[in-house]
Amino acid sequence: MKIAQFALSVVIFASMASLVADAAPARRTAKVQAVPKSGPELYQYCRMLAFRRFGRNYGDGRLALYPNFVVEQQDHCVRNGGRL
């Protein structure tokens, strides 16, 4: 009798472990955008990167940065090949 109870508990435990493994959330991978090599795409990428890094979000969909600072950071990013 004890062996049957033990075997049954092992089967139940194994089935519960498989359910928990199925319920675990999938790992999210970071979506990395490829850095453009040159041209207007690189300028746009660097502008977005500057806003992402230094922009202030006011909560209503607006991002704010000083205009001269944006241009300086954008030029710096373009000189460094897409890195701030």
C-alpha atoms as a PDB file:
ATOM      1  CA  MET A   1       0.000   0.000   0.000  1.00  0.00           C
ATOM      2  CA  LYS A   2       2.748   2.445   0.882  1.00  0.00           C
ATOM      3  CA  ILE A   3       4.581   1.723  -2.381  1.00  0.00           C
ATOM      4  CA  ALA A   4       1.435   2.489  -4.389  1.00  0.00           C
ATOM      5  CA  GLN A   5       0.951   5.778  -2.513  1.00  0.00           C
ATOM      6  CA  PHE A   6       4.585   6.692  -3.059  1.00  0.00           C
ATOM      7  CA  ALA A   7       4.391   5.898  -6.782  1.00  0.00           C
ATOM      8  CA  LEU A   8       1.182   7.892  -7.114  1.00  0.00           C
ATOM      9  CA  SER A   9       2.707  10.895  -5.304  1.00  0.00           C
ATOM     10  CA  VAL A  10       5.735  10.783  -7.644  1.00  0.00           C
ATOM     11  CA  VAL A  11       3.452  10.787 -10.695  1.00  0.00           C
ATOM     12  CA  ILE A  12       1.374  13.674  -9.338  1.00  0.00           C
ATOM     13  CA  PHE A  13       4.492  15.661  -8.429  1.00  0.00           C
ATOM     14  CA  ALA A  14       5.979  15.106 -11.912  1.00  0.00           C
ATOM     15  CA  SER A  15       2.778  16.217 -13.632  1.00  0.00           C
ATOM     16  CA  MET A  16       2.586  19.347 -11.447  1.00  0.00           C
ATOM     17  CA  ALA A  17       6.216  20.189 -12.254  1.00  0.00           C
ATOM     18  CA  SER A  18       5.508  19.947 -15.977  1.00  0.00           C
ATOM     19  CA  LEU A  19       2.486  22.265 -15.606  1.00  0.00           C
ATOM     20  CA  VAL A  20       4.593  24.844 -13.789  1.00  0.00           C
ATOM     21  CA  ALA A  21       7.244  24.663 -16.483  1.00  0.00           C
ATOM     22  CA  ASP A  22       4.592  25.289 -19.161  1.00  0.00           C
ATOM     23  CA  ALA A  23       3.164  28.239 -17.247  1.00  0.00           C
ATOM     24  CA  ALA A  24       6.532  30.010 -16.945  1.00  0.00           C
ATOM     25  CA  PRO A  25       6.665  33.203 -19.036  1.00  0.00           C
ATOM     26  CA  ALA A  26       8.794  33.198 -22.126  1.00  0.00           C
ATOM     27  CA  ARG A  27      12.020  35.148 -21.943  1.00  0.00           C
ATOM     28  CA  ARG A  28      11.921  38.364 -23.843  1.00  0.00           C
ATOM     29  CA  THR A  29      14.789  39.208 -26.095  1.00  0.00           C
ATOM     30  CA  ALA A  30      15.775  42.804 -26.597  1.00  0.00           C
ATOM     31  CA  LYS A  31      14.922  44.149 -30.002  1.00  0.00           C
ATOM     32  CA  VAL A  32      18.127  45.747 -31.181  1.00  0.00           C
ATOM     33  CA  GLN A  33      17.908  48.026 -34.146  1.00  0.00           C
ATOM     34  CA  ALA A  34      20.835  47.761 -36.543  1.00  0.00           C
ATOM     35  CA  VAL A  35      22.877  50.950 -36.732  1.00  0.00           C
ATOM     36  CA  PRO A  36      22.733  52.480 -40.226  1.00  0.00           C
ATOM     37  CA  LYS A  37      26.082  52.997 -41.911  1.00  0.00           C
ATOM     38  CA  SER A  38      25.656  56.554 -43.210  1.00  0.00           C
ATOM     39  CA  GLY A  39      23.261  59.080 -44.636  1.00  0.00           C
ATOM     40  CA  PRO A  40      19.971  60.429 -43.380  1.00  0.00           C
ATOM     41  CA  GLU A  41      19.139  57.133 -41.663  1.00  0.00           C
ATOM     42  CA  LEU A  42      22.167  57.525 -39.371  1.00  0.00           C
ATOM     43  CA  TYR A  43      21.164  61.096 -38.470  1.00  0.00           C
ATOM     44  CA  GLN A  44      17.609  59.974 -37.687  1.00  0.00           C
ATOM     45  CA  TYR A  45      18.881  57.029 -35.636  1.00  0.00           C
ATOM     46  CA  CYS A  46      21.195  59.293 -33.634  1.00  0.00           C
ATOM     47  CA  ARG A  47      18.423  61.831 -33.035  1.00  0.00           C
ATOM     48  CA  MET A  48      16.123  59.100 -31.707  1.00  0.00           C
ATOM     49  CA  LEU A  49      18.961  57.766 -29.553  1.00  0.00           C
ATOM     50  CA  ALA A  50      19.590  61.220 -28.050  1.00  0.00           C
ATOM     51  CA  PHE A  51      15.907  61.653 -27.211  1.00  0.00           C
ATOM     52  CA  ARG A  52      15.758  58.161 -25.747  1.00  0.00           C
ATOM     53  CA  ARG A  53      18.769  58.784 -23.546  1.00  0.00           C
ATOM     54  CA  PHE A  54      18.383  62.439 -22.533  1.00  0.00           C
ATOM     55  CA  GLY A  55      14.764  63.375 -23.294  1.00  0.00           C
ATOM     56  CA  ARG A  56      12.301  64.379 -20.605  1.00  0.00           C
ATOM     57  CA  ASN A  57       8.871  62.785 -20.847  1.00  0.00           C
ATOM     58  CA  TYR A  58       6.018  64.987 -19.641  1.00  0.00           C
ATOM     59  CA  GLY A  59       3.473  62.145 -19.666  1.00  0.00           C
ATOM     60  CA  ASP A  60       1.220  63.490 -22.384  1.00  0.00           C
ATOM     61  CA  GLY A  61       3.250  62.120 -25.289  1.00  0.00           C
ATOM     62  CA  ARG A  62       5.741  64.990 -25.459  1.00  0.00           C
ATOM     63  CA  LEU A  63       9.483  64.596 -25.155  1.00  0.00           C
ATOM     64  CA  ALA A  64      11.545  67.678 -24.508  1.00  0.00           C
ATOM     65  CA  LEU A  65      15.209  68.526 -24.944  1.00  0.00           C
ATOM     66  CA  TYR A  66      17.114  71.717 -25.597  1.00  0.00           C
ATOM     67  CA  PRO A  67      17.512  72.135 -29.382  1.00  0.00           C
ATOM     68  CA  ASN A  68      21.253  72.899 -29.302  1.00  0.00           C
ATOM     69  CA  PHE A  69      21.855  69.911 -27.050  1.00  0.00           C
ATOM     70  CA  VAL A  70      20.029  67.633 -29.488  1.00  0.00           C
ATOM     71  CA  VAL A  71      22.186  68.848 -32.383  1.00  0.00           C
ATOM     72  CA  GLU A  72      25.393  68.435 -30.348  1.00  0.00           C
ATOM     73  CA  GLN A  73      24.480  64.911 -29.293  1.00  0.00           C
ATOM     74  CA  GLN A  74      23.383  63.996 -32.788  1.00  0.00           C
ATOM     75  CA  ASP A  75      26.676  65.196 -34.276  1.00  0.00           C
ATOM     76  CA  HIS A  76      28.631  63.384 -31.572  1.00  0.00           C
ATOM     77  CA  CYS A  77      26.726  60.172 -32.296  1.00  0.00           C
ATOM     78  CA  VAL A  78      27.292  60.455 -36.062  1.00  0.00           C
ATOM     79  CA  ARG A  79      31.036  61.058 -35.535  1.00  0.00           C
ATOM     80  CA  ASN A  80      31.220  57.927 -33.367  1.00  0.00           C
ATOM     81  CA  GLY A  81      29.369  55.738 -35.839  1.00  0.00           C
ATOM     82  CA  GLY A  82      26.040  55.548 -34.036  1.00  0.00           C
ATOM     83  CA  ARG A  83      27.160  55.507 -30.398  1.00  0.00           C
ATOM     84  CA  LEU A  84      26.508  58.243 -27.838  1.00  0.00           C
END
